[in-house]
Amino acid sequence: MTADQIRAYANKAFVEPARRQGLTNVSIVAGHVHADLKLENRMPAVCSAIDARKFQEQYRVVLSSRSGPKQSSSVTWRFSIQR
């Protein structure tokens, strides 16, 4: 699974539903993405993909906060959704 595929999934599963609901913020948890994609030992790839500036630029979101260690299932990103 490539970083682009991980980012596309995070957008489809989290960002776009929030945008359709008219929400202004969305949270994404690394462990949820990892589990949903049925990945094994790929937490660094998930974290790197969503940490990348490309995610924000491509899917029109702005990082509001990031909590948790560098690469862990507990990493949580909070993004502001741009219209």
N, C-alpha and C. Protein backbone atom coordinates (compact mmCIF):
# COMPACT_ATOMS: atom_id res chain seq x y z
N MET A 1 0.85 -1.18 0.00
CA MET A 1 0.00 0.00 0.00
C MET A 1 0.89 1.24 0.00
N THR A 2 0.63 2.13 -0.93
CA THR A 2 1.45 3.33 -1.05
C THR A 2 0.93 4.46 -0.16
N ALA A 3 1.76 5.46 0.03
CA ALA A 3 1.36 6.62 0.82
C ALA A 3 0.16 7.31 0.18
N ASP A 4 0.15 7.38 -1.15
CA ASP A 4 -0.98 8.01 -1.84
C ASP A 4 -2.27 7.24 -1.58
N GLN A 5 -2.20 5.92 -1.55
CA GLN A 5 -3.39 5.11 -1.28
C GLN A 5 -3.88 5.31 0.15
N ILE A 6 -2.94 5.42 1.08
CA ILE A 6 -3.31 5.66 2.49
C ILE A 6 -3.99 7.02 2.61
N ARG A 7 -3.41 8.03 1.98
CA ARG A 7 -4.01 9.37 2.03
C ARG A 7 -5.39 9.39 1.38
N ALA A 8 -5.52 8.72 0.26
CA ALA A 8 -6.82 8.67 -0.43
C ALA A 8 -7.87 8.01 0.45
N TYR A 9 -7.48 6.95 1.14
CA TYR A 9 -8.43 6.28 2.03
C TYR A 9 -8.84 7.22 3.18
N ALA A 10 -7.86 7.89 3.80
CA ALA A 10 -8.16 8.78 4.91
C ALA A 10 -9.11 9.89 4.46
N ASN A 11 -8.92 10.38 3.25
CA ASN A 11 -9.82 11.40 2.72
C ASN A 11 -11.22 10.82 2.52
N LYS A 12 -11.30 9.68 1.86
CA LYS A 12 -12.60 9.07 1.54
C LYS A 12 -13.37 8.67 2.80
N ALA A 13 -12.66 8.14 3.77
CA ALA A 13 -13.32 7.60 4.97
C ALA A 13 -13.61 8.65 6.04
N PHE A 14 -12.80 9.70 6.10
CA PHE A 14 -12.93 10.66 7.20
C PHE A 14 -13.22 12.09 6.74
N VAL A 15 -12.40 12.60 5.83
CA VAL A 15 -12.53 14.01 5.44
C VAL A 15 -13.80 14.26 4.64
N GLU A 16 -14.01 13.49 3.59
CA GLU A 16 -15.17 13.74 2.73
C GLU A 16 -16.50 13.56 3.46
N PRO A 17 -16.68 12.52 4.28
CA PRO A 17 -17.95 12.44 5.03
C PRO A 17 -18.17 13.65 5.93
N ALA A 18 -17.10 14.12 6.58
CA ALA A 18 -17.22 15.30 7.45
C ALA A 18 -17.58 16.53 6.62
N ARG A 19 -16.94 16.65 5.46
CA ARG A 19 -17.22 17.79 4.58
C ARG A 19 -18.67 17.76 4.11
N ARG A 20 -19.16 16.59 3.73
CA ARG A 20 -20.56 16.47 3.28
C ARG A 20 -21.55 16.82 4.39
N GLN A 21 -21.16 16.54 5.64
CA GLN A 21 -22.02 16.85 6.78
C GLN A 21 -21.93 18.32 7.19
N GLY A 22 -21.07 19.06 6.54
CA GLY A 22 -20.94 20.47 6.85
C GLY A 22 -20.08 20.75 8.07
N LEU A 23 -19.31 19.75 8.50
CA LEU A 23 -18.44 19.94 9.67
C LEU A 23 -17.24 20.80 9.28
N THR A 24 -16.69 21.48 10.26
CA THR A 24 -15.53 22.32 9.99
C THR A 24 -14.23 21.67 10.45
N ASN A 25 -14.33 20.58 11.21
CA ASN A 25 -13.15 19.87 11.70
C ASN A 25 -13.36 18.37 11.57
N VAL A 26 -12.26 17.66 11.48
CA VAL A 26 -12.31 16.19 11.44
C VAL A 26 -11.08 15.66 12.17
N SER A 27 -11.26 14.56 12.89
CA SER A 27 -10.15 13.89 13.55
C SER A 27 -9.91 12.55 12.89
N ILE A 28 -8.64 12.22 12.76
CA ILE A 28 -8.24 10.94 12.19
C ILE A 28 -7.28 10.27 13.16
N VAL A 29 -7.53 9.00 13.48
CA VAL A 29 -6.68 8.23 14.39
C VAL A 29 -5.90 7.21 13.57
N ALA A 30 -4.60 7.19 13.73
CA ALA A 30 -3.75 6.30 12.94
C ALA A 30 -4.17 4.84 13.07
N GLY A 31 -4.50 4.41 14.26
CA GLY A 31 -4.89 3.02 14.47
C GLY A 31 -6.14 2.64 13.71
N HIS A 32 -7.06 3.58 13.54
CA HIS A 32 -8.28 3.30 12.79
C HIS A 32 -7.96 3.11 11.31
N VAL A 33 -7.12 3.97 10.77
CA VAL A 33 -6.73 3.86 9.36
C VAL A 33 -6.01 2.52 9.14
N HIS A 34 -5.07 2.21 10.01
CA HIS A 34 -4.29 0.97 9.91
C HIS A 34 -5.21 -0.25 9.95
N ALA A 35 -6.14 -0.27 10.87
CA ALA A 35 -7.06 -1.41 11.00
C ALA A 35 -8.02 -1.49 9.82
N ASP A 36 -8.58 -0.35 9.43
CA ASP A 36 -9.54 -0.34 8.31
C ASP A 36 -8.91 -0.87 7.03
N LEU A 37 -7.64 -0.55 6.82
CA LEU A 37 -6.95 -1.00 5.61
C LEU A 37 -6.35 -2.40 5.76
N LYS A 38 -6.56 -2.99 6.95
CA LYS A 38 -6.06 -4.34 7.24
C LYS A 38 -4.55 -4.45 7.00
N LEU A 39 -3.84 -3.43 7.47
CA LEU A 39 -2.39 -3.40 7.32
C LEU A 39 -1.73 -4.15 8.48
N GLU A 40 -0.53 -4.61 8.25
CA GLU A 40 0.26 -5.26 9.31
C GLU A 40 1.61 -4.57 9.39
N ASN A 41 1.95 -4.12 10.58
CA ASN A 41 3.25 -3.49 10.83
C ASN A 41 3.55 -2.33 9.87
N ARG A 42 2.52 -1.53 9.57
CA ARG A 42 2.69 -0.42 8.64
C ARG A 42 2.34 0.92 9.29
N MET A 43 2.36 0.96 10.61
CA MET A 43 2.02 2.21 11.31
C MET A 43 2.93 3.36 10.88
N PRO A 44 4.24 3.14 10.70
CA PRO A 44 5.07 4.26 10.22
C PRO A 44 4.60 4.80 8.88
N ALA A 45 4.15 3.93 8.00
CA ALA A 45 3.67 4.37 6.68
C ALA A 45 2.40 5.20 6.82
N VAL A 46 1.50 4.77 7.70
CA VAL A 46 0.25 5.51 7.93
C VAL A 46 0.58 6.89 8.49
N CYS A 47 1.41 6.93 9.50
CA CYS A 47 1.74 8.22 10.13
C CYS A 47 2.46 9.15 9.15
N SER A 48 3.40 8.61 8.41
CA SER A 48 4.13 9.44 7.44
C SER A 48 3.21 9.98 6.36
N ALA A 49 2.29 9.14 5.89
CA ALA A 49 1.39 9.55 4.81
C ALA A 49 0.48 10.70 5.25
N ILE A 50 -0.05 10.59 6.46
CA ILE A 50 -0.97 11.63 6.92
C ILE A 50 -0.22 12.85 7.44
N ASP A 51 0.98 12.65 7.96
CA ASP A 51 1.81 13.78 8.38
C ASP A 51 2.26 14.64 7.20
N ALA A 52 2.33 14.06 6.03
CA ALA A 52 2.86 14.75 4.86
C ALA A 52 2.03 15.99 4.52
N ARG A 53 2.71 17.04 4.17
CA ARG A 53 2.06 18.28 3.75
C ARG A 53 1.13 18.02 2.56
N LYS A 54 1.50 17.04 1.76
CA LYS A 54 0.71 16.68 0.58
C LYS A 54 -0.73 16.33 0.94
N PHE A 55 -0.94 15.71 2.10
CA PHE A 55 -2.30 15.36 2.52
C PHE A 55 -3.14 16.62 2.66
N GLN A 56 -2.57 17.63 3.33
CA GLN A 56 -3.30 18.87 3.55
C GLN A 56 -3.58 19.59 2.23
N GLU A 57 -2.59 19.64 1.37
CA GLU A 57 -2.75 20.34 0.10
C GLU A 57 -3.73 19.64 -0.82
N GLN A 58 -3.61 18.33 -0.91
CA GLN A 58 -4.43 17.56 -1.85
C GLN A 58 -5.90 17.53 -1.45
N TYR A 59 -6.16 17.45 -0.14
CA TYR A 59 -7.54 17.27 0.32
C TYR A 59 -8.11 18.49 1.03
N ARG A 60 -7.43 19.64 0.88
CA ARG A 60 -7.93 20.93 1.38
C ARG A 60 -8.30 20.89 2.86
N VAL A 61 -7.32 20.49 3.66
CA VAL A 61 -7.47 20.52 5.11
C VAL A 61 -6.23 21.20 5.69
N VAL A 62 -6.36 21.72 6.91
CA VAL A 62 -5.25 22.37 7.59
C VAL A 62 -5.10 21.72 8.96
N LEU A 63 -3.89 21.29 9.27
CA LEU A 63 -3.64 20.64 10.56
C LEU A 63 -3.85 21.62 11.70
N SER A 64 -4.76 21.27 12.60
CA SER A 64 -5.02 22.09 13.79
C SER A 64 -4.20 21.59 14.97
N SER A 65 -4.11 20.26 15.10
CA SER A 65 -3.32 19.68 16.18
C SER A 65 -2.96 18.24 15.85
N ARG A 66 -1.91 17.78 16.49
CA ARG A 66 -1.47 16.40 16.35
C ARG A 66 -1.06 15.95 17.73
N SER A 67 -1.59 14.82 18.18
CA SER A 67 -1.21 14.31 19.49
C SER A 67 -0.71 12.89 19.37
N GLY A 68 0.10 12.51 20.33
CA GLY A 68 0.66 11.18 20.34
C GLY A 68 2.11 11.18 19.91
N PRO A 69 2.75 10.01 20.02
CA PRO A 69 4.15 9.90 19.63
C PRO A 69 4.33 10.02 18.12
N LYS A 70 5.56 9.95 17.67
CA LYS A 70 5.84 10.12 16.24
C LYS A 70 5.11 9.09 15.39
N GLN A 71 5.17 7.83 15.77
CA GLN A 71 4.55 6.76 14.98
C GLN A 71 3.90 5.76 15.91
N SER A 72 2.59 5.85 16.05
CA SER A 72 1.87 4.99 16.97
C SER A 72 0.41 4.92 16.56
N SER A 73 -0.25 3.85 16.98
CA SER A 73 -1.68 3.72 16.69
C SER A 73 -2.50 4.79 17.38
N SER A 74 -1.93 5.42 18.40
CA SER A 74 -2.67 6.43 19.15
C SER A 74 -2.52 7.85 18.58
N VAL A 75 -1.73 8.00 17.53
CA VAL A 75 -1.58 9.33 16.93
C VAL A 75 -2.94 9.81 16.44
N THR A 76 -3.29 11.02 16.82
CA THR A 76 -4.56 11.61 16.40
C THR A 76 -4.28 12.98 15.77
N TRP A 77 -4.77 13.15 14.57
CA TRP A 77 -4.68 14.43 13.88
C TRP A 77 -6.04 15.09 13.90
N ARG A 78 -6.05 16.39 14.08
CA ARG A 78 -7.29 17.16 13.97
C ARG A 78 -7.05 18.18 12.87
N PHE A 79 -7.92 18.15 11.88
CA PHE A 79 -7.79 19.03 10.72
C PHE A 79 -9.00 19.96 10.63
N SER A 80 -8.74 21.20 10.21
CA SER A 80 -9.82 22.12 9.83
C SER A 80 -10.10 21.85 8.36
N ILE A 81 -11.36 21.76 8.04
CA ILE A 81 -11.78 21.47 6.67
C ILE A 81 -12.00 22.78 5.93
N GLN A 82 -11.32 22.91 4.81
CA GLN A 82 -11.47 24.11 3.99
C GLN A 82 -12.57 23.88 2.97
N ARG A 83 -13.33 24.88 2.68
CA ARG A 83 -14.44 24.74 1.73
C ARG A 83 -13.97 24.97 0.32
